[in-house]
């Protein structure tokens, strides 16, 4: 498995904001169960969010995969700008793990992903054949953070609505086997966040992209941090002009909180909470355009 990549350095948008935390008890139990279930798997499909490819790399994945086949897929390629997809694909490929770019909802890249699953699992039936045993479907597991699109991917592979798929982290409650066809059987797993707390930079990016549950974070803090990230990307010419220029005092804002407050006054009769949740919703739905919040590192990267 390739060494993890890190994103380009940027200013810290988490300083002075409430920390994002989660409780590790039930997560540790799910991780133990994951280890047991994966003993039945031939190939692991690691699904990441194309808007934050580094932050959605689970730190425990390498130990779970072991010697099994490993396929890396970046979902939501429709939500990320083409230059970021090109850069990440090149960087990951140079590191030994070229990704498959997919759009699980619309089906883009899914046929290629299935071919990669069959290729990665071909050794299983070759071994069975040598032993005089009839071939069986390749058993693959789809792993990733909550809400990265695992169930949507399985539904697309099956060709019908088999797994629950909602825009809500953790809607897939447990492990279940889904037969794709005579060649592939998939294990649908619940999204699992690390039992060990990740850095606040990573945690905030996960929250911005709705890849962790809403109970773990303050929407106003996350929306304010998102605004600062978007302004930073604009200064680096890594994003289009996504912020509304009708807010005349935008350039004078010293922090994201001020911008959210202005947005609330302009459009939501001073309701800051509504302004924050609307901003997050607009970003997540793609209404602000195709955006990638982290790009491959140039030199020293950020701490995960």
Protein backbone atom coordinates (compact mmCIF):
# COMPACT_ATOMS: atom_id res chain seq x y z
CA UNK A 1 0.00 0.00 0.00
CA UNK A 2 1.33 3.43 -0.93
CA UNK A 3 2.43 5.89 1.72
CA UNK A 4 -0.26 8.46 2.57
CA UNK A 5 -0.06 11.80 0.82
CA UNK A 6 -0.52 15.11 2.57
CA UNK A 7 -2.10 18.27 1.28
CA UNK A 8 -0.48 21.61 0.54
CA UNK A 9 0.23 23.74 3.58
CA UNK A 10 -2.33 26.42 4.38
CA UNK A 11 -3.14 28.75 7.21
CA UNK A 12 -4.85 27.12 10.20
CA UNK A 13 -8.58 27.87 10.12
CA UNK A 14 -9.23 25.91 13.34
CA UNK A 15 -7.34 28.16 15.77
CA UNK A 16 -9.66 29.73 18.32
CA UNK A 17 -12.64 27.66 17.20
CA UNK A 18 -14.36 24.91 19.24
CA UNK A 19 -12.69 21.51 18.79
CA UNK A 20 -14.47 18.74 16.93
CA UNK A 21 -14.51 15.61 19.05
CA UNK A 22 -16.15 12.20 19.01
CA UNK A 23 -16.35 9.39 21.52
CA UNK A 24 -14.21 6.33 20.72
CA UNK A 25 -16.09 3.58 22.62
CA UNK A 26 -18.51 2.33 19.97
CA UNK A 27 -15.98 3.13 17.22
CA UNK A 28 -13.38 0.81 18.75
CA UNK A 29 -15.99 -1.97 18.86
CA UNK A 30 -16.82 -1.42 15.18
CA UNK A 31 -13.11 -1.53 14.31
CA UNK A 32 -12.73 -4.91 16.04
CA UNK A 33 -15.73 -6.25 14.13
CA UNK A 34 -14.28 -4.84 10.91
CA UNK A 35 -11.10 -6.88 11.42
CA UNK A 36 -13.13 -10.07 11.88
CA UNK A 37 -15.36 -9.48 8.85
CA UNK A 38 -12.46 -8.64 6.54
CA UNK A 39 -11.05 -12.13 7.05
CA UNK A 40 -13.66 -13.23 4.47
CA UNK A 41 -12.71 -10.58 1.89
CA UNK A 42 -10.42 -10.85 -1.16
CA UNK A 43 -10.30 -7.20 -2.23
CA UNK A 44 -10.79 -3.90 -0.39
CA UNK A 45 -12.20 -0.88 -2.23
CA UNK A 46 -11.15 2.23 -0.33
CA UNK A 47 -13.58 5.05 -1.07
CA UNK A 48 -12.50 8.64 -0.47
CA UNK A 49 -14.07 12.05 -1.05
CA UNK A 50 -12.52 13.76 -4.10
CA UNK A 51 -12.94 17.16 -2.41
CA UNK A 52 -10.71 16.09 0.50
CA UNK A 53 -8.73 13.06 -0.74
CA UNK A 54 -6.13 13.25 2.01
CA UNK A 55 -8.46 13.88 4.96
CA UNK A 56 -10.67 10.90 4.04
CA UNK A 57 -7.72 8.49 4.15
CA UNK A 58 -8.51 6.33 7.19
CA UNK A 59 -5.35 5.90 9.34
CA UNK A 60 -6.23 2.27 10.18
CA UNK A 61 -6.86 1.14 6.62
CA UNK A 62 -3.39 -0.27 5.88
CA UNK A 63 -3.57 -2.58 8.91
CA UNK A 64 -7.08 -3.72 7.93
CA UNK A 65 -6.14 -4.44 4.32
CA UNK A 66 -3.03 -6.48 5.06
CA UNK A 67 -2.09 -8.56 2.00
CA UNK A 68 -5.50 -8.25 0.33
CA UNK A 69 -6.00 -6.53 -2.99
CA UNK A 70 -6.46 -2.78 -2.59
CA UNK A 71 -8.30 -0.43 -4.95
CA UNK A 72 -8.43 3.30 -4.25
CA UNK A 73 -11.46 5.18 -5.60
CA UNK A 74 -12.14 8.91 -5.40
CA UNK A 75 -15.88 9.53 -5.32
CA UNK A 76 -17.71 12.76 -6.17
CA UNK A 77 -15.40 13.51 -9.08
CA UNK A 78 -18.25 15.72 -10.36
CA UNK A 79 -17.85 17.97 -7.30
CA UNK A 80 -14.10 18.57 -7.64
CA UNK A 81 -12.43 20.69 -10.35
CA UNK A 82 -10.66 18.81 -13.14
CA UNK A 83 -7.18 20.22 -12.29
CA UNK A 84 -7.39 18.88 -8.73
CA UNK A 85 -8.44 15.43 -9.97
CA UNK A 86 -5.51 15.42 -12.40
CA UNK A 87 -3.04 16.46 -9.71
CA UNK A 88 -4.28 13.94 -7.15
CA UNK A 89 -4.35 11.10 -9.69
CA UNK A 90 -0.77 11.89 -10.71
CA UNK A 91 0.48 12.23 -7.13
CA UNK A 92 -1.23 9.04 -5.94
CA UNK A 93 -0.08 7.15 -9.02
CA UNK A 94 3.50 8.26 -8.43
CA UNK A 95 3.13 6.94 -4.88
CA UNK A 96 2.08 3.52 -6.16
CA UNK A 97 -1.71 3.74 -5.81
CA UNK A 98 -3.38 5.24 -8.88
CA UNK A 99 -7.03 6.00 -8.05
CA UNK A 100 -10.18 5.20 -10.00
CA UNK A 101 -12.23 8.40 -10.37
CA UNK A 102 -15.95 7.82 -9.94
CA UNK A 103 -19.31 9.52 -9.59
CA UNK A 104 -21.29 6.91 -7.66
CA UNK A 105 -24.65 8.66 -8.05
CA UNK A 106 -24.50 9.05 -11.83
CA UNK A 107 -22.35 6.01 -12.58
CA UNK A 108 -19.24 7.68 -13.96
CA UNK A 109 -16.20 5.41 -13.65
CA UNK A 110 -18.16 2.59 -11.98
CA UNK A 111 -17.66 0.13 -14.86
CA UNK A 112 -13.90 0.73 -14.66
CA UNK A 113 -14.01 0.15 -10.91
CA UNK A 114 -15.73 -3.21 -11.40
CA UNK A 115 -13.03 -4.24 -13.87
CA UNK A 116 -10.41 -3.32 -11.29
CA UNK A 117 -12.18 -5.44 -8.66
CA UNK A 118 -12.17 -8.46 -11.00
CA UNK A 119 -8.53 -7.89 -11.89
CA UNK A 120 -7.48 -7.55 -8.25
CA UNK A 121 -9.40 -10.71 -7.28
CA UNK A 122 -8.36 -12.87 -10.24
CA UNK A 123 -5.71 -14.67 -8.18
CA UNK A 124 -8.43 -16.11 -5.91
CA UNK A 125 -10.07 -18.23 -8.60
CA UNK A 126 -6.71 -19.04 -10.16
CA UNK A 127 -5.73 -20.61 -6.84
CA UNK A 128 -9.04 -22.47 -6.57
CA UNK A 129 -8.63 -23.80 -10.10
CA UNK A 130 -5.20 -25.20 -9.25
CA UNK A 131 -6.84 -27.06 -6.37
CA UNK A 132 -9.62 -28.41 -8.59
CA UNK A 133 -12.26 -26.25 -6.86
CA UNK A 134 -15.01 -24.47 -8.79
CA UNK A 135 -14.66 -20.67 -9.07
CA UNK A 136 -16.68 -18.35 -6.83
CA UNK A 137 -17.54 -14.63 -6.93
CA UNK A 138 -14.76 -12.27 -5.89
CA UNK A 139 -15.53 -10.95 -2.40
CA UNK A 140 -14.88 -7.24 -2.08
CA UNK A 141 -15.45 -4.81 0.78
CA UNK A 142 -16.20 -1.11 0.34
CA UNK A 143 -14.59 0.88 3.17
CA UNK A 144 -14.56 4.58 3.96
CA UNK A 145 -15.73 7.38 6.20
CA UNK A 146 -19.45 7.95 6.75
CA UNK A 147 -21.24 9.57 3.81
CA UNK A 148 -18.43 9.19 1.25
CA UNK A 149 -20.90 7.34 -0.99
CA UNK A 150 -20.46 3.64 -0.22
CA UNK A 151 -24.15 2.73 -0.47
CA UNK A 152 -24.63 4.85 -3.60
CA UNK A 153 -21.73 2.98 -5.20
CA UNK A 154 -23.16 -0.42 -4.31
CA UNK A 155 -26.59 0.59 -5.63
CA UNK A 156 -24.97 1.65 -8.90
CA UNK A 157 -23.02 -1.62 -9.17
CA UNK A 158 -26.12 -3.69 -8.41
CA UNK A 159 -28.24 -1.67 -10.82
CA UNK A 160 -31.07 -1.24 -8.36
CA UNK A 161 -31.67 0.26 -4.92
CA UNK A 162 -30.26 -2.42 -2.64
CA UNK A 163 -28.31 -0.57 0.06
CA UNK A 164 -29.75 2.37 1.96
CA UNK A 165 -28.38 5.57 0.48
CA UNK A 166 -29.16 8.92 2.05
CA UNK A 167 -27.36 12.23 2.43
CA UNK A 168 -26.79 11.53 6.10
CA UNK A 169 -23.59 10.09 7.59
CA UNK A 170 -23.88 6.57 8.95
CA UNK A 171 -27.20 5.58 7.37
CA UNK A 172 -25.73 2.14 6.62
CA UNK A 173 -26.08 0.58 10.07
CA UNK A 174 -24.21 -2.71 9.82
CA UNK A 175 -22.35 -5.16 7.63
CA UNK A 176 -24.23 -6.88 4.82
CA UNK A 177 -23.32 -8.89 1.72
CA UNK A 178 -24.69 -7.74 -1.63
CA UNK A 179 -24.40 -9.97 -4.70
CA UNK A 180 -23.58 -7.82 -7.73
CA UNK A 181 -23.66 -10.68 -10.25
CA UNK A 182 -22.08 -14.10 -10.73
CA UNK A 183 -18.62 -12.51 -10.60
CA UNK A 184 -18.65 -10.11 -7.65
CA UNK A 185 -20.05 -10.09 -4.12
CA UNK A 186 -19.71 -6.87 -2.11
CA UNK A 187 -19.60 -6.28 1.62
CA UNK A 188 -21.39 -3.06 2.52
CA UNK A 189 -19.92 -1.69 5.75
CA UNK A 190 -20.87 1.16 8.06
CA UNK A 191 -18.75 4.27 7.71
CA UNK A 192 -16.14 4.26 10.45
CA UNK A 193 -14.29 7.30 11.76
CA UNK A 194 -10.99 6.70 13.61
CA UNK A 195 -11.22 5.80 17.28
CA UNK A 196 -8.08 7.89 17.76
CA UNK A 197 -8.78 11.58 17.29
CA UNK A 198 -7.38 13.05 14.07
CA UNK A 199 -5.94 16.57 13.84
CA UNK A 200 -8.41 19.44 14.03
CA UNK A 201 -7.53 20.48 10.48
CA UNK A 202 -8.66 17.08 9.23
CA UNK A 203 -11.71 17.02 11.53
CA UNK A 204 -12.89 20.41 10.24
CA UNK A 205 -12.52 19.33 6.62
CA UNK A 206 -14.51 16.17 7.32
CA UNK A 207 -17.24 18.34 8.86
CA UNK A 208 -17.22 20.79 5.93
CA UNK A 209 -17.85 17.92 3.51
CA UNK A 210 -20.45 16.22 5.75
CA UNK A 211 -18.21 13.16 6.19
CA UNK A 212 -18.81 12.97 9.96
CA UNK A 213 -22.05 13.26 11.92
CA UNK A 214 -23.47 16.72 12.62
CA UNK A 215 -23.60 16.01 16.36
CA UNK A 216 -19.79 16.27 16.50
CA UNK A 217 -19.44 19.91 15.43
CA UNK A 218 -20.79 23.48 15.62
CA UNK A 219 -22.20 24.47 12.18
CA UNK A 220 -21.36 28.15 12.69
CA UNK A 221 -17.73 27.38 13.45
CA UNK A 222 -17.43 24.97 10.52
CA UNK A 223 -19.12 27.38 8.07
CA UNK A 224 -16.83 30.19 9.21
CA UNK A 225 -13.77 27.98 8.76
CA UNK A 226 -15.03 26.92 5.31
CA UNK A 227 -15.28 30.57 4.22
CA UNK A 228 -11.67 31.16 5.22
CA UNK A 229 -10.56 28.06 3.30
CA UNK A 230 -12.42 29.26 0.19
CA UNK A 231 -10.86 32.71 0.42
CA UNK A 232 -7.44 31.08 0.84
CA UNK A 233 -8.01 28.93 -2.25
CA UNK A 234 -9.08 31.99 -4.23
CA UNK A 235 -5.85 33.76 -3.29
CA UNK A 236 -3.91 30.70 -4.50
CA UNK A 237 -5.99 30.65 -7.72
CA UNK A 238 -7.17 27.13 -6.84
CA UNK A 239 -10.85 28.10 -6.86
CA UNK A 240 -13.09 30.35 -8.88
CA UNK A 241 -14.69 33.39 -7.34
CA UNK A 242 -17.25 31.50 -5.29
CA UNK A 243 -18.13 34.06 -2.62
CA UNK A 244 -20.93 36.52 -3.28
CA UNK A 245 -19.48 39.90 -4.24
CA UNK A 246 -22.75 41.65 -3.37
CA UNK A 247 -21.56 41.71 0.23
CA UNK A 248 -19.77 45.04 -0.06
CA UNK A 249 -17.71 44.70 3.11
CA UNK A 250 -16.47 41.20 2.25
CA UNK A 251 -12.86 42.29 1.80
CA UNK A 252 -12.91 43.97 5.21
CA UNK A 253 -13.90 40.83 7.09
CA UNK A 254 -11.19 39.79 9.51
CA UNK A 255 -12.59 36.27 9.98
CA UNK A 256 -15.20 33.83 8.72
CA UNK A 257 -17.53 34.61 11.61
CA UNK A 258 -17.83 38.21 10.41
CA UNK A 259 -18.67 37.06 6.91
CA UNK A 260 -21.36 34.66 8.21
CA UNK A 261 -22.80 37.49 10.33
CA UNK A 262 -22.94 39.76 7.25
CA UNK A 263 -24.57 36.99 5.23
CA UNK A 264 -27.15 36.56 8.00
CA UNK A 265 -27.98 40.28 7.99
CA UNK A 266 -28.20 40.46 4.18
CA UNK A 267 -30.32 37.36 3.60
CA UNK A 268 -31.61 35.73 6.76
CA UNK A 269 -32.86 38.61 8.95
CA UNK A 270 -29.90 38.18 11.27
CA UNK A 271 -30.31 34.42 11.75
CA UNK A 272 -26.64 33.36 11.95
CA UNK A 273 -27.42 29.67 12.44
CA UNK A 274 -29.53 29.59 9.30
CA UNK A 275 -26.87 31.46 7.34
CA UNK A 276 -24.22 28.95 8.45
CA UNK A 277 -26.27 25.85 7.65
CA UNK A 278 -27.30 27.29 4.27
CA UNK A 279 -23.69 28.01 3.36
CA UNK A 280 -22.65 24.46 4.27
CA UNK A 281 -25.57 23.03 2.33
CA UNK A 282 -24.71 25.12 -0.74
CA UNK A 283 -21.09 23.97 -0.65
CA UNK A 284 -21.97 20.31 -0.18
CA UNK A 285 -24.57 20.33 -2.95
CA UNK A 286 -22.18 21.91 -5.43
CA UNK A 287 -24.08 25.20 -5.66
CA UNK A 288 -20.81 27.08 -5.07
CA UNK A 289 -19.16 25.29 -7.98
CA UNK A 290 -16.63 22.47 -8.24
CA UNK A 291 -14.21 22.83 -5.32
CA UNK A 292 -11.37 20.84 -3.79
CA UNK A 293 -10.38 21.89 -0.27
CA UNK A 294 -6.95 20.25 -0.34
CA UNK A 295 -4.45 19.74 -3.13
CA UNK A 296 -1.35 17.51 -3.30
CA UNK A 297 1.59 18.70 -1.24
CA UNK A 298 4.39 20.84 -2.55
CA UNK A 299 7.24 20.24 -0.16
CA UNK A 300 6.30 19.96 3.51
CA UNK A 301 2.65 19.04 4.04
CA UNK A 302 0.22 19.48 6.88
CA UNK A 303 0.01 17.40 10.00
CA UNK A 304 -2.79 14.85 9.85
